[in-house]
């Protein structure tokens, strides 16, 4: 029987469930919870071997003693960084690869090893891969698991019930949050100094983008199934930092959604950022090869999903490329004149999306 089923089917005993709750309530606390997790995990296993009530009571007493010792020595425990870290999210994989000490990271997801999805695929391929299942993660005996907000909740809950400390990190949706996630991961890994160095380099690169003054060209991004990111997204902030206005502002798209090809052609943005199609024949990506896109008047550039799917310093690679395109546009007088006289597709003054207004107008006809 697998370790996973042993823990889930036989029951973990009151002390183990208590330890899971204590670990979830811990602050900052991946490193500080690790010694207690190991202590409490041993108590839970012993309870299963000895089913007598006296031993259960003794184990609960030892756990209480461990908790009091942990409270008394909290400062010392917090100073000890985790030594066996497992990541089960693509973005936390790469954060840990950037910040982790040698040997600290024990496993990353298989996605991190895919060069189409990860900017750190080569480094990730040196580590064992996991598929985000609680059983395989538990076998690594981690003292910290890094997960995302949307990581499979069943996996995270099971790991916490087994006494494994889990840090759930929200995705970065702004350039400021890229900095915040780096510092958060640095604290969890006990690598604050390394995180500060990476953040300082990130800030210098961001400040160096410095787009030219004057009229800003309009840019749109377009992906499989006609998906366009909204103005409240990391990709929109990158376009703006590179010196572009985002078409989503004209369309009233806040968080992104389906953008009809006809509306994109009508808008005719100065720059169209296309998701790079994967090899093979996916019908979802047919729209990226549609002949109508070849008749748009603006420039087009293809970026990989990996370039901005995660809030990493590497997002600035794409931003620097876009900023270079913006400077090239500024050097072309004819194109600059077009930008100056080109009106917005449909300036909106209310919060109702332009797409919905267009549908209402069609219905009225």
Protein backbone atom coordinates (compact mmCIF):
# COMPACT_ATOMS: atom_id res chain seq x y z
CA UNK A 1 0.00 0.00 0.00
CA UNK A 2 1.34 3.44 -0.86
CA UNK A 3 2.42 5.95 1.73
CA UNK A 4 -0.38 8.24 0.57
CA UNK A 5 -3.06 5.61 1.16
CA UNK A 6 -1.55 4.58 4.48
CA UNK A 7 -1.97 8.10 5.77
CA UNK A 8 -5.37 8.76 4.26
CA UNK A 9 -7.17 5.44 4.84
CA UNK A 10 -5.90 4.40 8.27
CA UNK A 11 -6.54 7.79 9.83
CA UNK A 12 -3.93 10.05 11.26
CA UNK A 13 -4.97 10.30 14.87
CA UNK A 14 -5.80 13.46 16.82
CA UNK A 15 -2.24 14.57 17.31
CA UNK A 16 -1.48 14.52 13.58
CA UNK A 17 -4.60 16.51 12.74
CA UNK A 18 -3.67 19.01 15.44
CA UNK A 19 -0.16 19.35 14.03
CA UNK A 20 -1.59 20.09 10.59
CA UNK A 21 -3.74 22.88 12.00
CA UNK A 22 -0.84 24.31 13.98
CA UNK A 23 1.40 24.32 10.90
CA UNK A 24 -1.24 26.01 8.78
CA UNK A 25 -1.62 28.69 11.43
CA UNK A 26 2.15 29.28 11.64
CA UNK A 27 3.52 32.61 10.48
CA UNK A 28 6.29 33.06 8.03
CA UNK A 29 6.66 29.97 8.98
CA UNK A 30 7.85 27.43 6.58
CA UNK A 31 11.26 27.29 8.18
CA UNK A 32 9.99 27.57 11.74
CA UNK A 33 7.35 24.89 11.21
CA UNK A 34 9.72 22.32 9.74
CA UNK A 35 11.18 20.95 13.01
CA UNK A 36 7.70 20.71 14.51
CA UNK A 37 6.41 18.99 11.38
CA UNK A 38 9.05 16.30 11.70
CA UNK A 39 8.36 15.92 15.41
CA UNK A 40 4.59 15.79 15.02
CA UNK A 41 4.83 13.44 12.03
CA UNK A 42 6.77 10.92 14.14
CA UNK A 43 4.15 11.12 16.88
CA UNK A 44 1.35 10.45 14.42
CA UNK A 45 3.07 7.37 12.99
CA UNK A 46 3.68 6.02 16.48
CA UNK A 47 0.00 6.42 17.34
CA UNK A 48 -0.93 4.16 14.48
CA UNK A 49 1.51 1.47 15.53
CA UNK A 50 0.30 1.49 19.12
CA UNK A 51 -3.45 1.73 19.16
CA UNK A 52 -3.81 1.79 22.94
CA UNK A 53 -5.41 4.81 24.52
CA UNK A 54 -2.53 5.33 26.92
CA UNK A 55 -0.05 5.72 24.10
CA UNK A 56 -2.35 8.11 22.26
CA UNK A 57 -2.54 10.26 25.39
CA UNK A 58 1.23 10.12 25.78
CA UNK A 59 1.74 11.12 22.15
CA UNK A 60 -0.63 14.05 22.60
CA UNK A 61 1.37 15.09 25.66
CA UNK A 62 4.63 14.92 23.75
CA UNK A 63 3.07 17.01 21.00
CA UNK A 64 1.95 19.64 23.51
CA UNK A 65 5.47 19.67 24.95
CA UNK A 66 6.85 20.14 21.45
CA UNK A 67 4.50 23.05 20.87
CA UNK A 68 5.56 24.78 24.07
CA UNK A 69 9.23 24.21 23.23
CA UNK A 70 8.61 25.61 19.76
CA UNK A 71 6.99 28.73 21.22
CA UNK A 72 9.87 29.24 23.62
CA UNK A 73 12.52 28.76 20.96
CA UNK A 74 10.64 30.45 18.13
CA UNK A 75 13.44 32.83 17.22
CA UNK A 76 15.96 30.02 16.81
CA UNK A 77 13.58 27.90 14.78
CA UNK A 78 12.73 30.75 12.44
CA UNK A 79 16.42 31.34 11.77
CA UNK A 80 16.82 27.87 10.27
CA UNK A 81 15.90 27.82 6.56
CA UNK A 82 14.19 24.79 5.02
CA UNK A 83 16.56 22.23 3.59
CA UNK A 84 14.27 20.04 1.49
CA UNK A 85 12.00 22.21 -0.68
CA UNK A 86 9.57 20.83 -3.25
CA UNK A 87 7.68 23.08 -5.66
CA UNK A 88 4.37 22.04 -7.26
CA UNK A 89 3.64 25.14 -9.34
CA UNK A 90 5.34 26.36 -12.52
CA UNK A 91 5.90 29.88 -11.22
CA UNK A 92 7.15 28.86 -7.76
CA UNK A 93 9.42 26.33 -9.50
CA UNK A 94 11.24 29.16 -11.22
CA UNK A 95 11.26 31.45 -8.19
CA UNK A 96 12.93 28.69 -6.18
CA UNK A 97 15.42 28.01 -8.97
CA UNK A 98 16.36 31.70 -9.00
CA UNK A 99 16.62 32.15 -5.24
CA UNK A 100 17.31 28.74 -3.70
CA UNK A 101 20.64 27.71 -2.22
CA UNK A 102 22.54 24.83 -3.86
CA UNK A 103 20.84 21.55 -2.91
CA UNK A 104 17.90 23.26 -1.22
CA UNK A 105 15.37 22.56 -3.98
CA UNK A 106 14.64 18.83 -4.34
CA UNK A 107 11.91 18.66 -7.00
CA UNK A 108 10.04 20.86 -9.48
CA UNK A 109 7.06 20.23 -11.73
CA UNK A 110 7.43 18.63 -15.13
CA UNK A 111 6.20 21.90 -16.66
CA UNK A 112 9.33 23.66 -15.40
CA UNK A 113 11.39 21.30 -17.55
CA UNK A 114 9.46 22.17 -20.72
CA UNK A 115 11.30 24.91 -22.66
CA UNK A 116 7.99 26.05 -24.20
CA UNK A 117 6.63 26.91 -20.74
CA UNK A 118 9.67 27.70 -18.62
CA UNK A 119 12.50 30.20 -19.00
CA UNK A 120 14.56 28.00 -16.66
CA UNK A 121 14.00 24.63 -18.32
CA UNK A 122 17.70 23.78 -18.48
CA UNK A 123 18.21 24.32 -14.74
CA UNK A 124 14.97 22.48 -13.91
CA UNK A 125 16.00 19.42 -15.91
CA UNK A 126 18.76 18.77 -13.37
CA UNK A 127 16.13 18.02 -10.69
CA UNK A 128 13.55 15.25 -10.26
CA UNK A 129 10.18 16.19 -11.75
CA UNK A 130 6.83 15.89 -10.00
CA UNK A 131 3.28 16.14 -11.27
CA UNK A 132 1.80 17.86 -8.23
CA UNK A 133 0.47 14.70 -6.57
CA UNK A 134 0.57 14.51 -2.79
CA UNK A 135 1.99 10.98 -2.78
CA UNK A 136 5.08 11.75 -4.83
CA UNK A 137 5.68 15.02 -3.00
CA UNK A 138 5.47 13.35 0.42
CA UNK A 139 8.08 10.78 -0.58
CA UNK A 140 10.63 13.58 -0.92
CA UNK A 141 10.18 14.28 2.83
CA UNK A 142 10.00 18.04 2.27
CA UNK A 143 10.18 20.57 5.08
CA UNK A 144 8.57 23.15 2.76
CA UNK A 145 6.29 22.86 -0.27
CA UNK A 146 5.78 25.83 -2.55
CA UNK A 147 2.38 25.97 -4.24
CA UNK A 148 0.25 28.47 -6.15
CA UNK A 149 -3.12 29.90 -5.20
CA UNK A 150 -4.76 27.66 -7.79
CA UNK A 151 -2.74 24.51 -7.16
CA UNK A 152 -4.96 21.45 -6.71
CA UNK A 153 -6.58 22.04 -3.33
CA UNK A 154 -6.91 18.31 -2.63
CA UNK A 155 -3.13 17.94 -2.93
CA UNK A 156 -2.40 20.92 -0.71
CA UNK A 157 -4.94 19.89 1.91
CA UNK A 158 -3.58 16.35 2.06
CA UNK A 159 0.00 17.57 2.47
CA UNK A 160 -1.07 19.88 5.28
CA UNK A 161 -2.94 17.05 7.01
CA UNK A 162 0.27 15.03 6.78
CA UNK A 163 2.07 17.83 8.64
CA UNK A 164 3.97 19.22 5.65
CA UNK A 165 4.30 23.03 5.66
CA UNK A 166 2.87 24.52 2.46
CA UNK A 167 3.29 28.10 1.28
CA UNK A 168 0.61 29.13 -1.23
CA UNK A 169 1.80 32.03 -3.37
CA UNK A 170 -0.57 34.20 -5.40
CA UNK A 171 0.34 34.88 -9.04
CA UNK A 172 1.93 38.21 -9.89
CA UNK A 173 -0.45 40.30 -12.02
CA UNK A 174 1.49 43.58 -11.85
CA UNK A 175 5.12 44.61 -12.15
CA UNK A 176 5.09 45.64 -8.49
CA UNK A 177 3.88 42.18 -7.51
CA UNK A 178 6.83 40.60 -9.32
CA UNK A 179 9.02 42.34 -6.77
CA UNK A 180 6.74 41.29 -3.90
CA UNK A 181 6.77 37.61 -4.90
CA UNK A 182 10.55 37.57 -5.11
CA UNK A 183 10.83 38.97 -1.59
CA UNK A 184 8.13 36.60 -0.28
CA UNK A 185 9.89 33.56 -1.73
CA UNK A 186 13.23 34.81 -0.40
CA UNK A 187 11.82 34.98 3.14
CA UNK A 188 10.32 31.50 2.89
CA UNK A 189 13.60 30.01 1.66
CA UNK A 190 15.75 31.91 4.14
CA UNK A 191 17.41 33.67 1.19
CA UNK A 192 16.51 37.30 1.86
CA UNK A 193 19.91 38.61 0.73
CA UNK A 194 19.71 36.79 -2.58
CA UNK A 195 16.16 38.03 -3.13
CA UNK A 196 17.26 41.62 -2.44
CA UNK A 197 20.00 41.31 -5.07
CA UNK A 198 17.57 39.98 -7.67
CA UNK A 199 15.01 42.70 -6.89
CA UNK A 200 17.66 45.42 -7.19
CA UNK A 201 18.69 44.15 -10.64
CA UNK A 202 15.02 43.92 -11.64
CA UNK A 203 14.38 47.53 -10.58
CA UNK A 204 17.39 48.76 -12.57
CA UNK A 205 16.20 47.01 -15.74
CA UNK A 206 12.66 48.29 -15.29
CA UNK A 207 13.84 51.89 -14.87
CA UNK A 208 16.04 51.58 -17.96
CA UNK A 209 13.08 50.89 -20.27
CA UNK A 210 12.34 54.66 -20.45
CA UNK A 211 10.03 54.80 -23.50
CA UNK A 212 10.17 57.95 -25.66
CA UNK A 213 7.79 60.81 -24.99
CA UNK A 214 5.00 61.76 -27.35
CA UNK A 215 2.00 59.91 -28.77
CA UNK A 216 1.91 56.31 -27.65
CA UNK A 217 1.15 53.62 -30.23
CA UNK A 218 -1.59 51.09 -29.51
CA UNK A 219 -0.73 47.46 -28.93
CA UNK A 220 -2.83 44.34 -28.49
CA UNK A 221 -1.95 40.78 -27.57
CA UNK A 222 -3.75 37.86 -29.16
CA UNK A 223 -3.59 34.19 -28.25
CA UNK A 224 -5.23 30.84 -28.96
CA UNK A 225 -9.02 30.85 -29.28
CA UNK A 226 -8.92 34.61 -29.80
CA UNK A 227 -8.06 35.34 -26.18
CA UNK A 228 -6.83 38.87 -25.39
CA UNK A 229 -5.48 39.90 -22.00
CA UNK A 230 -7.25 42.75 -20.25
CA UNK A 231 -5.84 46.00 -18.97
CA UNK A 232 -5.60 44.58 -15.42
CA UNK A 233 -2.93 42.04 -16.31
CA UNK A 234 0.82 41.63 -16.20
CA UNK A 235 1.08 41.60 -20.01
CA UNK A 236 -0.78 44.93 -20.20
CA UNK A 237 1.61 46.49 -17.69
CA UNK A 238 4.58 45.23 -19.70
CA UNK A 239 3.20 46.82 -22.87
CA UNK A 240 2.64 50.10 -21.04
CA UNK A 241 6.14 50.04 -19.53
CA UNK A 242 7.52 49.56 -23.05
CA UNK A 243 5.69 52.67 -24.25
CA UNK A 244 2.41 51.35 -25.69
CA UNK A 245 -1.23 51.95 -24.88
CA UNK A 246 -3.18 48.72 -24.51
CA UNK A 247 -6.08 48.12 -26.88
CA UNK A 248 -8.01 46.62 -23.95
CA UNK A 249 -8.57 50.17 -22.65
CA UNK A 250 -10.48 51.05 -25.81
CA UNK A 251 -12.46 47.83 -25.70
CA UNK A 252 -13.39 47.96 -22.02
CA UNK A 253 -11.68 44.62 -21.29
CA UNK A 254 -10.58 44.63 -17.67
CA UNK A 255 -9.49 41.05 -17.08
CA UNK A 256 -9.32 39.68 -20.60
CA UNK A 257 -11.53 37.46 -22.68
CA UNK A 258 -12.51 36.49 -26.20
CA UNK A 259 -11.77 39.20 -28.78
CA UNK A 260 -13.53 38.65 -32.14
CA UNK A 261 -11.15 38.72 -35.06
CA UNK A 262 -13.38 41.25 -36.84
CA UNK A 263 -13.05 43.72 -33.97
CA UNK A 264 -9.28 43.27 -33.89
CA UNK A 265 -9.05 43.99 -37.64
CA UNK A 266 -11.23 47.09 -37.22
CA UNK A 267 -8.96 48.34 -34.43
CA UNK A 268 -5.82 47.73 -36.53
CA UNK A 269 -3.38 48.28 -33.64
CA UNK A 270 0.09 49.68 -34.29
CA UNK A 271 1.56 46.53 -32.77
CA UNK A 272 0.07 43.07 -32.49
CA UNK A 273 1.74 40.71 -30.03
CA UNK A 274 0.86 37.17 -31.03
CA UNK A 275 1.29 34.06 -28.93
CA UNK A 276 3.72 31.78 -30.71
CA UNK A 277 1.87 28.77 -32.11
CA UNK A 278 3.07 25.38 -30.92
CA UNK A 279 4.11 22.68 -33.40
CA UNK A 280 1.27 20.41 -34.41
CA UNK A 281 -2.29 21.05 -35.48
CA UNK A 282 -4.35 22.64 -32.70
CA UNK A 283 -7.60 24.15 -33.92
CA UNK A 284 -7.43 26.64 -31.06
CA UNK A 285 -4.36 28.18 -32.71
CA UNK A 286 -5.78 28.38 -36.23
CA UNK A 287 -6.86 31.94 -35.56
CA UNK A 288 -3.21 32.95 -35.11
CA UNK A 289 -2.59 32.00 -38.74
CA UNK A 290 -5.71 33.65 -40.17
CA UNK A 291 -5.04 35.52 -43.45
CA UNK A 292 -6.80 38.63 -42.11
CA UNK A 293 -3.93 39.20 -39.70
CA UNK A 294 -1.53 39.60 -42.63
CA UNK A 295 -3.48 42.63 -43.85
CA UNK A 296 -3.16 44.65 -40.65
CA UNK A 297 -1.20 47.87 -41.05
CA UNK A 298 0.86 47.67 -37.86
CA UNK A 299 3.86 45.61 -36.88
CA UNK A 300 3.60 42.12 -35.46
CA UNK A 301 5.80 40.24 -33.03
CA UNK A 302 5.49 36.76 -31.54
CA UNK A 303 6.27 36.08 -27.89
CA UNK A 304 6.38 32.74 -26.12
CA UNK A 305 3.92 32.00 -23.31
CA UNK A 306 6.92 31.50 -21.07
CA UNK A 307 7.94 35.14 -21.58
CA UNK A 308 5.17 36.47 -19.34
CA UNK A 309 3.12 33.60 -17.95
CA UNK A 310 4.90 33.94 -14.58
CA UNK A 311 5.89 37.03 -12.65
CA UNK A 312 9.66 36.63 -12.88
CA UNK A 313 12.51 39.03 -13.68
CA UNK A 314 12.53 37.37 -17.11
CA UNK A 315 9.32 39.23 -18.01
CA UNK A 316 11.59 42.19 -18.67
CA UNK A 317 13.22 40.29 -21.56
CA UNK A 318 9.98 40.64 -23.48
CA UNK A 319 9.48 44.22 -22.27
CA UNK A 320 12.95 45.20 -23.49
CA UNK A 321 12.21 43.69 -26.86
CA UNK A 322 8.94 45.61 -27.07
CA UNK A 323 10.66 48.83 -25.96
CA UNK A 324 13.18 48.41 -28.78
CA UNK A 325 10.29 48.13 -31.25
CA UNK A 326 8.78 51.27 -29.76
CA UNK A 327 11.99 53.20 -30.33
CA UNK A 328 12.15 51.95 -33.91
CA UNK A 329 8.63 53.24 -34.48
CA UNK A 330 9.69 56.65 -33.21
CA UNK A 331 12.45 56.81 -35.83
CA UNK A 332 10.01 56.34 -38.73
CA UNK A 333 8.34 59.71 -39.48
CA UNK A 334 5.53 58.23 -41.58
CA UNK A 335 4.57 55.77 -38.86
CA UNK A 336 4.78 58.48 -36.21
CA UNK A 337 2.36 60.66 -38.18
CA UNK A 338 -0.04 57.72 -38.42
CA UNK A 339 0.10 57.25 -34.64
CA UNK A 340 -0.63 60.92 -34.04
CA UNK A 341 -3.75 61.03 -36.19
CA UNK A 342 -5.07 57.53 -35.47
CA UNK A 343 -8.18 57.72 -33.23
CA UNK A 344 -9.06 55.19 -30.60
CA UNK A 345 -11.34 52.42 -31.79
CA UNK A 346 -14.21 53.40 -29.51
CA UNK A 347 -13.37 55.52 -26.48
CA UNK A 348 -15.66 54.50 -23.66
CA UNK A 349 -16.81 56.70 -20.83
CA UNK A 350 -18.67 54.13 -18.80
CA UNK A 351 -17.77 50.73 -17.42
CA UNK A 352 -19.79 48.76 -19.95
CA UNK A 353 -17.47 46.79 -22.26
CA UNK A 354 -17.39 47.91 -25.88
CA UNK A 355 -17.99 44.33 -27.02
CA UNK A 356 -21.34 44.24 -25.22
CA UNK A 357 -22.36 47.62 -26.70
CA UNK A 358 -21.59 46.34 -30.19
CA UNK A 359 -23.83 43.33 -29.66
CA UNK A 360 -26.66 45.57 -28.39
CA UNK A 361 -26.36 47.78 -31.46
CA UNK A 362 -26.57 44.78 -33.75
CA UNK A 363 -29.69 43.59 -31.96
CA UNK A 364 -31.31 47.04 -32.30
CA UNK A 365 -30.87 46.94 -36.05
